Amino acid sequence: MRYIDLFAGAGGLSEGFIKAGFKPVAHVEMDQAACYTLKTRLAFHYLSSANKKGRYVDYMRGKITREKLYSYLPKRLHDSVINATIGEDTLGMIFAKVDALADGKPIDVLAGGPPCQAYSLVGRARDANGMRNDPRNYLYKYYGRFLERYKPKAFVFENVLGLRTAAGGKYFEDMKKCFDKAGYVVADDLLKARDFGVLQDRKRILIIGWRKDLGIAGMPAFDKKNWKYSVADVLRDLPEIGPGEGSMKNARYGGKASTYLGKSGLRNGIDILTQHCSRPHTVQDLKIYRIAVERWNKAKERLQYTDLPESLRTHRNTTSFLDRFKVVAAEEQCAHTVVAHIARDGHHYIHPDLKQNRSLSVREAARLQSFPDDYYFEGVKENSPRTAAFKQIGNAVPPLMAESIAKAIKARL
């Protein structure tokens, strides 16, 4: 079965569909760094299927350049990543490229969800107009245009919980009407990532549509996992690093893989650690991190901003967002939600080990999102800073959840 991924990001949703046996026809994504990540992941899957994984390993070791890695990709796969912003001015160009890639053959599934900031509760709280004037509110209309053009058997649309309440629910209702007009029977549900083996308390709205002529309706049955692991199972095999330390490529693990890492496929045979690198922090932030970790370890209490001494406070806002410094607790069964704000600072993702006293590394954040260790997040420039990677990880659909969704749709079709 074949799929198109819109607003593809770093490819978390796409990874799940590939693991479920689907073949990508096209990925459309506006962010250039994320497009490089998509191509790098396509190179991994292609070289693995061609029994040439050693070439990908050479890239993880830093022995070959990104350009050299991409030279191994067939032209069709290389061109399948379309770096473009979906809008009225670009739609014709995007359709032409996707048409050529589809080669007249049917598309089984359309996947993807528009950027979520316009619907998110936090985004609306921080915006003076509650995001009412944000053009991203209406990107679903372009999604409908893709449905009308390619008529896939099904579609998968993932977004934040705030989608249901944005503008009093108007966008959500208009969205469902748009998809109905395009010819689809629509069902929606709230999914919890932790039910799919992701060690993260992430909740998302999932909309699934079935083409009306197929006679299918409702949500498919998902294979959920009742695993009992803790966040420590994500962290314990990684070497200790301090603030601003670590390696982008060719590092070594600090211990054996936990049962969870093996069972989930996050650590899966390539014994090279990449992107276990952390951002540097100011002396003041490190003092706050230490206070937050000590408070959690001693009393299992979360630090509130107003608990800090005056000498460590730099923000005037003492009435909202008081939990801006938060420890990722190792003993909990899941971490709090990893979001794109992690690209701006690590205050909400403090490592639980006082000896390391830092925020999460890129690899630790990726693991909490259930990305396997052989997944490499690119920047615009090769070996560019961590920020692009953090942003992509925070915006992604967890691959383990995506795989369960893809398998359920495949079985239903």
Protein backbone atom coordinates (compact mmCIF):
# COMPACT_ATOMS: atom_id res chain seq x y z
CA MET A 1 0.00 0.00 0.00
CA ARG A 2 1.14 3.53 -0.81
CA TYR A 3 0.81 6.79 1.09
CA ILE A 4 1.44 10.54 0.89
CA ASP A 5 2.59 12.42 4.00
CA LEU A 6 1.59 16.10 4.25
CA PHE A 7 3.15 18.47 6.79
CA ALA A 8 5.57 15.57 7.24
CA GLY A 9 7.98 17.13 9.73
CA ALA A 10 10.82 14.82 10.69
CA GLY A 11 8.82 11.78 9.61
CA GLY A 12 7.48 10.27 12.84
CA LEU A 13 4.15 9.40 11.23
CA SER A 14 5.89 8.23 8.06
CA GLU A 15 8.24 5.99 10.05
CA GLY A 16 5.24 4.19 11.50
CA PHE A 17 3.72 3.62 8.08
CA ILE A 18 7.00 2.32 6.64
CA LYS A 19 7.39 -0.06 9.59
CA ALA A 20 3.82 -1.28 8.91
CA GLY A 21 4.74 -2.14 5.33
CA PHE A 22 3.52 0.94 3.44
CA LYS A 23 5.58 2.61 0.71
CA PRO A 24 5.96 6.41 0.60
CA VAL A 25 5.04 8.21 -2.61
CA ALA A 26 5.71 11.76 -1.42
CA HIS A 27 6.47 13.82 1.68
CA VAL A 28 5.58 17.50 1.68
CA GLU A 29 7.25 19.65 4.34
CA MET A 30 8.07 23.37 4.61
CA ASP A 31 11.06 23.14 6.96
CA GLN A 32 14.35 22.55 5.13
CA ALA A 33 16.10 20.85 8.04
CA ALA A 34 13.21 18.40 8.45
CA CYS A 35 13.40 17.63 4.72
CA TYR A 36 17.04 16.64 5.15
CA THR A 37 15.99 14.40 8.05
CA LEU A 38 13.36 12.76 5.82
CA LYS A 39 15.94 12.08 3.09
CA THR A 40 18.41 10.68 5.60
CA ARG A 41 15.74 8.31 6.93
CA LEU A 42 14.75 7.26 3.41
CA ALA A 43 18.42 6.49 2.81
CA PHE A 44 18.42 4.29 5.93
CA HIS A 45 15.39 2.30 4.80
CA TYR A 46 16.56 2.00 1.20
CA LEU A 47 20.10 0.90 2.07
CA SER A 48 18.76 -1.55 4.69
CA SER A 49 16.44 -3.15 2.13
CA ALA A 50 19.29 -3.34 -0.41
CA ASN A 51 21.58 -5.07 2.13
CA LYS A 52 23.89 -2.04 2.11
CA LYS A 53 23.30 -0.74 5.62
CA GLY A 54 27.06 -0.38 6.05
CA ARG A 55 26.90 2.80 3.97
CA TYR A 56 24.45 4.31 6.45
CA VAL A 57 26.69 3.18 9.32
CA ASP A 58 29.56 5.03 7.64
CA TYR A 59 27.45 8.18 7.78
CA MET A 60 26.69 7.68 11.48
CA ARG A 61 30.42 7.27 12.07
CA GLY A 62 31.12 10.52 10.22
CA LYS A 63 33.11 8.74 7.50
CA ILE A 64 31.02 10.04 4.58
CA THR A 65 29.18 13.32 3.98
CA ARG A 66 25.44 13.81 3.82
CA GLU A 67 25.78 14.56 0.10
CA LYS A 68 27.51 11.21 -0.41
CA LEU A 69 24.78 9.40 1.54
CA TYR A 70 22.09 10.95 -0.65
CA SER A 71 23.95 9.92 -3.78
CA TYR A 72 23.01 6.32 -2.97
CA LEU A 73 19.28 7.14 -3.15
CA PRO A 74 17.35 6.37 -6.36
CA LYS A 75 16.11 9.59 -7.99
CA ARG A 76 12.48 8.73 -7.22
CA LEU A 77 13.16 8.52 -3.49
CA HIS A 78 15.33 11.62 -3.49
CA ASP A 79 12.62 13.60 -5.29
CA SER A 80 9.86 12.23 -3.06
CA VAL A 81 10.74 14.83 -0.39
CA ILE A 82 9.13 18.08 -1.51
CA ASN A 83 10.39 21.12 0.41
CA ALA A 84 7.47 23.54 0.07
CA THR A 85 4.93 25.48 2.10
CA ILE A 86 1.42 24.33 1.19
CA GLY A 87 -0.60 27.33 0.01
CA GLU A 88 -2.52 28.73 -2.94
CA ASP A 89 0.65 29.90 -4.69
CA THR A 90 2.42 26.54 -4.39
CA LEU A 91 -0.41 24.01 -4.69
CA GLY A 92 -0.15 23.62 -8.48
CA MET A 93 3.60 22.97 -8.29
CA ILE A 94 3.17 20.46 -5.46
CA PHE A 95 0.37 18.64 -7.28
CA ALA A 96 2.54 18.39 -10.42
CA LYS A 97 5.41 16.84 -8.45
CA VAL A 98 3.16 14.42 -6.57
CA ASP A 99 1.40 13.45 -9.83
CA ALA A 100 4.75 12.53 -11.37
CA LEU A 101 5.74 10.51 -8.30
CA ALA A 102 2.36 8.72 -8.15
CA ASP A 103 2.77 7.72 -11.83
CA GLY A 104 -0.96 7.26 -12.31
CA LYS A 105 -1.20 4.57 -9.64
CA PRO A 106 -3.68 4.81 -6.75
CA ILE A 107 -2.85 6.26 -3.35
CA ASP A 108 -4.07 4.19 -0.43
CA VAL A 109 -3.61 6.60 2.47
CA LEU A 110 -3.12 10.34 2.94
CA ALA A 111 -1.39 11.04 6.26
CA GLY A 112 -0.35 14.10 8.23
CA GLY A 113 -1.55 16.96 10.40
CA PRO A 114 -1.03 20.70 9.91
CA PRO A 115 1.17 22.65 12.37
CA CYS A 116 -0.59 22.55 15.72
CA GLN A 117 0.37 25.90 17.25
CA ALA A 118 -2.82 27.56 16.01
CA TYR A 119 -4.98 25.01 17.84
CA SER A 120 -2.90 24.42 20.97
CA LEU A 121 -4.14 25.66 24.33
CA VAL A 122 -0.71 27.07 25.20
CA GLY A 123 -0.41 28.85 21.86
CA ARG A 124 -3.81 30.47 22.27
CA ALA A 125 -3.01 31.52 25.85
CA ARG A 126 0.20 33.25 24.79
CA ASP A 127 -1.21 35.01 21.71
CA ALA A 128 -3.00 38.34 22.20
CA ASN A 129 -5.73 37.32 19.73
CA GLY A 130 -5.96 33.70 20.84
CA MET A 131 -4.49 32.65 17.45
CA ARG A 132 -7.77 33.65 15.75
CA ASN A 133 -5.90 35.49 12.96
CA ASP A 134 -3.36 32.72 12.35
CA PRO A 135 -3.59 31.42 8.74
CA ARG A 136 -2.58 27.95 9.96
CA ASN A 137 -6.13 27.60 11.31
CA TYR A 138 -7.25 26.91 7.73
CA LEU A 139 -4.56 24.57 6.43
CA TYR A 140 -7.04 21.69 6.71
CA LYS A 141 -8.74 23.13 3.60
CA TYR A 142 -5.64 22.26 1.58
CA TYR A 143 -5.74 18.80 3.12
CA GLY A 144 -9.24 18.53 1.67
CA ARG A 145 -7.90 19.54 -1.75
CA PHE A 146 -5.44 16.65 -1.64
CA LEU A 147 -8.28 14.28 -0.74
CA GLU A 148 -10.32 15.48 -3.69
CA ARG A 149 -7.42 15.12 -6.11
CA TYR A 150 -5.94 11.76 -5.08
CA LYS A 151 -9.00 10.06 -3.56
CA PRO A 152 -7.08 7.77 -1.18
CA LYS A 153 -8.96 4.91 0.44
CA ALA A 154 -8.33 6.42 3.87
CA PHE A 155 -6.70 9.37 5.59
CA VAL A 156 -5.05 9.94 8.97
CA PHE A 157 -5.09 13.41 10.51
CA GLU A 158 -3.32 13.94 13.88
CA ASN A 159 -3.40 17.08 15.99
CA VAL A 160 -3.44 18.51 19.51
CA LEU A 161 -6.32 18.31 22.00
CA GLY A 162 -7.01 22.01 21.55
CA LEU A 163 -8.32 21.28 18.05
CA ARG A 164 -11.69 20.35 19.57
CA THR A 165 -12.10 23.66 21.42
CA ALA A 166 -10.32 26.23 19.20
CA ALA A 167 -12.80 29.00 18.24
CA GLY A 168 -15.41 27.24 20.34
CA GLY A 169 -15.11 24.09 18.26
CA LYS A 170 -15.80 25.86 14.96
CA TYR A 171 -12.58 24.78 13.24
CA PHE A 172 -13.13 21.17 14.24
CA GLU A 173 -16.70 21.11 12.91
CA ASP A 174 -15.72 22.91 9.70
CA MET A 175 -12.88 20.45 9.25
CA LYS A 176 -15.19 17.45 9.48
CA LYS A 177 -17.60 19.09 7.00
CA CYS A 178 -14.69 19.69 4.61
CA PHE A 179 -13.67 16.03 4.76
CA ASP A 180 -17.29 14.90 4.36
CA LYS A 181 -17.62 17.05 1.25
CA ALA A 182 -14.42 15.50 -0.13
CA GLY A 183 -16.13 12.10 0.07
CA TYR A 184 -15.09 10.61 3.41
CA VAL A 185 -16.82 9.10 6.42
CA VAL A 186 -15.02 10.59 9.43
CA ALA A 187 -14.34 9.26 12.94
CA ASP A 188 -12.26 10.86 15.69
CA ASP A 189 -10.83 9.80 19.03
CA LEU A 190 -8.39 10.83 21.73
CA LEU A 191 -5.24 8.68 21.74
CA LYS A 192 -2.71 8.39 24.54
CA ALA A 193 0.84 7.73 23.36
CA ARG A 194 1.61 5.72 26.51
CA ASP A 195 -0.96 3.11 25.34
CA PHE A 196 1.32 2.34 22.41
CA GLY A 197 4.59 1.79 24.28
CA VAL A 198 5.72 5.43 24.25
CA LEU A 199 7.07 6.47 27.66
CA GLN A 200 5.44 9.87 27.48
CA ASP A 201 2.13 11.32 28.67
CA ARG A 202 1.18 12.64 25.25
CA LYS A 203 -2.48 12.97 24.25
CA ARG A 204 -3.57 13.75 20.70
CA ILE A 205 -6.73 13.93 18.60
CA LEU A 206 -6.78 11.42 15.75
CA ILE A 207 -9.19 11.86 12.84
CA ILE A 208 -9.53 8.94 10.43
CA GLY A 209 -11.54 9.10 7.23
CA TRP A 210 -12.71 6.28 4.98
CA ARG A 211 -13.72 6.83 1.36
CA LYS A 212 -17.50 6.51 1.29
CA ASP A 213 -17.67 3.92 -1.50
CA LEU A 214 -15.69 1.41 0.64
CA GLY A 215 -18.50 0.96 3.15
CA ILE A 216 -16.12 1.32 6.13
CA ALA A 217 -16.84 3.50 9.16
CA GLY A 218 -15.57 4.18 12.66
CA MET A 219 -12.17 3.89 14.30
CA PRO A 220 -10.14 0.73 13.67
CA ALA A 221 -9.06 -1.52 16.54
CA PHE A 222 -5.60 -0.50 17.75
CA ASP A 223 -3.13 -2.95 19.25
CA LYS A 224 -2.38 -1.28 22.57
CA LYS A 225 0.46 -2.22 24.91
CA ASN A 226 0.17 -2.53 28.67
CA TRP A 227 3.88 -2.20 29.32
CA LYS A 228 5.20 -1.42 32.80
CA TYR A 229 8.48 0.41 32.33
CA SER A 230 9.86 3.65 33.69
CA VAL A 231 11.62 6.66 32.22
CA ALA A 232 14.86 5.30 33.71
CA ASP A 233 14.67 2.53 31.10
CA VAL A 234 15.11 5.21 28.42
CA LEU A 235 18.11 6.86 30.08
CA ARG A 236 20.28 4.32 31.87
CA ASP A 237 22.47 3.01 29.00
CA LEU A 238 23.58 6.47 27.89
CA PRO A 239 26.97 7.83 29.02
CA GLU A 240 27.00 10.64 31.57
CA ILE A 241 27.52 14.07 30.03
CA GLY A 242 27.43 17.58 31.45
CA PRO A 243 25.91 20.77 30.05
CA GLY A 244 27.11 21.49 26.52
CA GLU A 245 28.80 18.11 26.23
CA GLY A 246 28.30 15.06 24.01
CA SER A 247 28.75 14.03 20.39
CA MET A 248 26.69 14.39 17.22
CA LYS A 249 28.15 11.22 15.68
CA ASN A 250 30.24 8.13 16.41
CA ALA A 251 29.88 7.97 20.21
CA ARG A 252 29.65 4.87 22.41
CA TYR A 253 26.92 3.66 24.71
CA GLY A 254 27.52 3.71 28.43
CA GLY A 255 25.93 0.35 29.18
CA LYS A 256 23.71 -2.48 27.97
CA ALA A 257 20.29 -1.83 26.52
CA SER A 258 17.35 -2.08 28.91
CA THR A 259 14.55 -4.56 28.21
CA TYR A 260 12.36 -1.67 27.12
CA LEU A 261 14.88 -0.41 24.56
CA GLY A 262 15.09 -3.87 23.00
CA LYS A 263 11.36 -4.60 23.10
CA SER A 264 10.43 -1.25 21.59
CA GLY A 265 13.15 -1.42 18.93
CA LEU A 266 14.65 1.90 20.00
CA ARG A 267 18.12 0.40 20.32
CA ASN A 268 18.21 -2.05 17.47
CA GLY A 269 21.59 -3.43 16.57
CA ILE A 270 23.74 -0.56 15.28
CA ASP A 271 26.16 -0.07 18.15
CA ILE A 272 26.87 3.60 17.44
CA LEU A 273 25.39 6.39 19.53
CA THR A 274 24.59 9.68 17.83
CA GLN A 275 23.23 13.04 18.99
CA HIS A 276 23.64 12.36 22.69
CA CYS A 277 24.59 16.00 23.14
CA SER A 278 23.16 18.60 25.49
CA ARG A 279 22.84 22.36 25.32
CA PRO A 280 25.00 24.59 27.55
CA HIS A 281 23.34 26.39 30.47
CA THR A 282 24.00 29.53 32.47
CA VAL A 283 25.23 29.29 36.06
CA GLN A 284 21.86 30.64 37.20
CA ASP A 285 19.91 27.97 35.29
CA LEU A 286 22.10 25.22 36.72
CA LYS A 287 21.37 26.47 40.24
CA ILE A 288 17.64 26.31 39.48
CA TYR A 289 17.94 22.83 37.95
CA ARG A 290 19.66 21.59 41.08
CA ILE A 291 16.90 23.00 43.28
CA ALA A 292 14.23 21.39 41.08
CA VAL A 293 15.88 17.95 41.13
CA GLU A 294 16.57 18.04 44.88
CA ARG A 295 12.95 19.01 45.60
CA TRP A 296 11.66 16.17 43.44
CA ASN A 297 14.06 13.59 44.89
CA LYS A 298 13.30 14.60 48.47
CA ALA A 299 9.53 15.12 48.46
CA LYS A 300 8.31 14.30 44.91
CA GLU A 301 7.23 17.93 44.63
CA ARG A 302 7.40 20.00 41.45
CA LEU A 303 9.20 23.30 41.63
CA GLN A 304 7.01 26.38 41.20
CA TYR A 305 8.65 29.53 39.91
CA THR A 306 7.50 31.44 42.98
CA ASP A 307 9.37 28.93 45.17
CA LEU A 308 12.70 30.26 43.90
CA PRO A 309 14.63 32.86 45.86
CA GLU A 310 14.37 36.39 44.43
CA SER A 311 18.00 36.25 43.33
CA LEU A 312 17.19 33.47 40.83
CA ARG A 313 14.03 35.01 39.35
CA THR A 314 14.38 36.82 36.03
CA HIS A 315 10.75 36.73 34.83
CA ARG A 316 8.18 39.26 35.98
CA ASN A 317 5.31 36.85 35.38
CA THR A 318 4.57 35.19 38.72
CA THR A 319 0.93 34.27 38.09
CA SER A 320 1.04 31.85 35.14
CA PHE A 321 3.34 29.16 33.66
CA LEU A 322 4.78 28.65 37.13
CA ASP A 323 5.96 25.12 36.26
CA ARG A 324 8.45 26.38 33.67
CA PHE A 325 11.23 24.37 35.37
CA LYS A 326 10.32 20.68 35.41
CA VAL A 327 12.26 17.47 36.07
CA VAL A 328 11.85 14.43 33.83
CA ALA A 329 11.32 12.00 36.69
CA ALA A 330 13.19 8.72 36.18
CA GLU A 331 10.89 6.58 38.36
CA GLU A 332 7.66 7.61 36.63
CA GLN A 333 6.09 5.30 34.02
CA CYS A 334 6.07 8.12 31.50
CA ALA A 335 7.50 11.60 31.09
CA HIS A 336 5.43 14.72 30.52
CA THR A 337 4.80 15.73 26.91
CA VAL A 338 7.79 16.64 24.77
CA VAL A 339 6.85 19.70 22.70
CA ALA A 340 8.65 21.97 20.24
CA HIS A 341 9.44 24.52 22.97
CA ILE A 342 12.34 22.24 23.90
CA ALA A 343 14.12 23.88 20.95
CA ARG A 344 14.07 27.24 22.79
CA ASP A 345 15.31 26.07 26.19
CA GLY A 346 15.51 22.91 28.27
CA HIS A 347 13.90 24.24 31.43
CA HIS A 348 10.87 21.97 31.13
CA TYR A 349 13.05 18.89 30.54
CA ILE A 350 15.61 18.72 33.33
CA HIS A 351 17.61 15.49 33.56
CA PRO A 352 16.91 13.66 36.86
CA ASP A 353 20.58 12.89 37.60
CA LEU A 354 22.10 15.60 39.80
CA LYS A 355 25.61 14.58 38.78
CA GLN A 356 24.85 15.56 35.19
CA ASN A 357 22.77 18.65 36.11
CA ARG A 358 21.52 19.61 32.65
CA SER A 359 18.50 19.40 30.40
CA LEU A 360 17.83 16.41 28.15
CA SER A 361 20.10 15.59 25.24
CA VAL A 362 18.77 15.31 21.69
CA ARG A 363 18.90 11.52 21.87
CA GLU A 364 17.08 11.38 25.21
CA ALA A 365 14.27 13.56 23.85
CA ALA A 366 14.10 11.42 20.71
CA ARG A 367 13.78 8.26 22.79
CA LEU A 368 10.93 9.72 24.82
CA GLN A 369 9.21 10.30 21.48
CA SER A 370 10.03 6.62 20.59
CA PHE A 371 12.41 7.41 17.72
CA PRO A 372 14.96 4.59 17.30
CA ASP A 373 18.61 5.36 17.92
CA ASP A 374 19.47 4.94 14.25
CA TYR A 375 17.20 7.91 13.43
CA TYR A 376 19.33 10.96 12.68
CA PHE A 377 17.92 14.50 12.86
CA GLU A 378 19.48 16.93 10.42
CA GLY A 379 20.10 20.66 10.40
CA VAL A 380 20.23 22.93 7.38
CA LYS A 381 24.00 22.63 7.46
CA GLU A 382 25.65 19.31 8.11
CA ASN A 383 26.57 18.98 11.81
CA SER A 384 24.54 22.11 12.53
CA PRO A 385 23.38 22.95 16.08
CA ARG A 386 21.00 20.98 18.25
CA THR A 387 18.13 23.44 17.92
CA ALA A 388 16.81 22.09 14.60
CA ALA A 389 16.80 18.56 15.98
CA PHE A 390 14.94 19.53 19.15
CA LYS A 391 12.29 21.38 17.14
CA GLN A 392 11.70 18.40 14.85
CA ILE A 393 11.47 15.98 17.77
CA GLY A 394 9.01 18.14 19.69
CA ASN A 395 6.71 18.52 16.66
CA ALA A 396 6.73 14.83 15.73
CA VAL A 397 4.19 12.03 15.98
CA PRO A 398 5.75 9.22 18.08
CA PRO A 399 6.71 6.44 15.63
CA LEU A 400 5.53 3.61 17.94
CA MET A 401 2.05 5.12 18.05
CA ALA A 402 2.14 5.81 14.31
CA GLU A 403 3.04 2.18 13.58
CA SER A 404 0.03 0.91 15.53
CA ILE A 405 -2.24 3.35 13.68
CA ALA A 406 -0.83 2.29 10.31
CA LYS A 407 -1.21 -1.42 11.09
CA ALA A 408 -4.82 -0.93 12.18
CA ILE A 409 -5.68 0.96 8.98
CA LYS A 410 -3.93 -1.62 6.83
CA ALA A 411 -5.85 -4.46 8.50
CA ARG A 412 -9.17 -2.63 8.06
CA LEU A 413 -8.54 -1.95 4.40
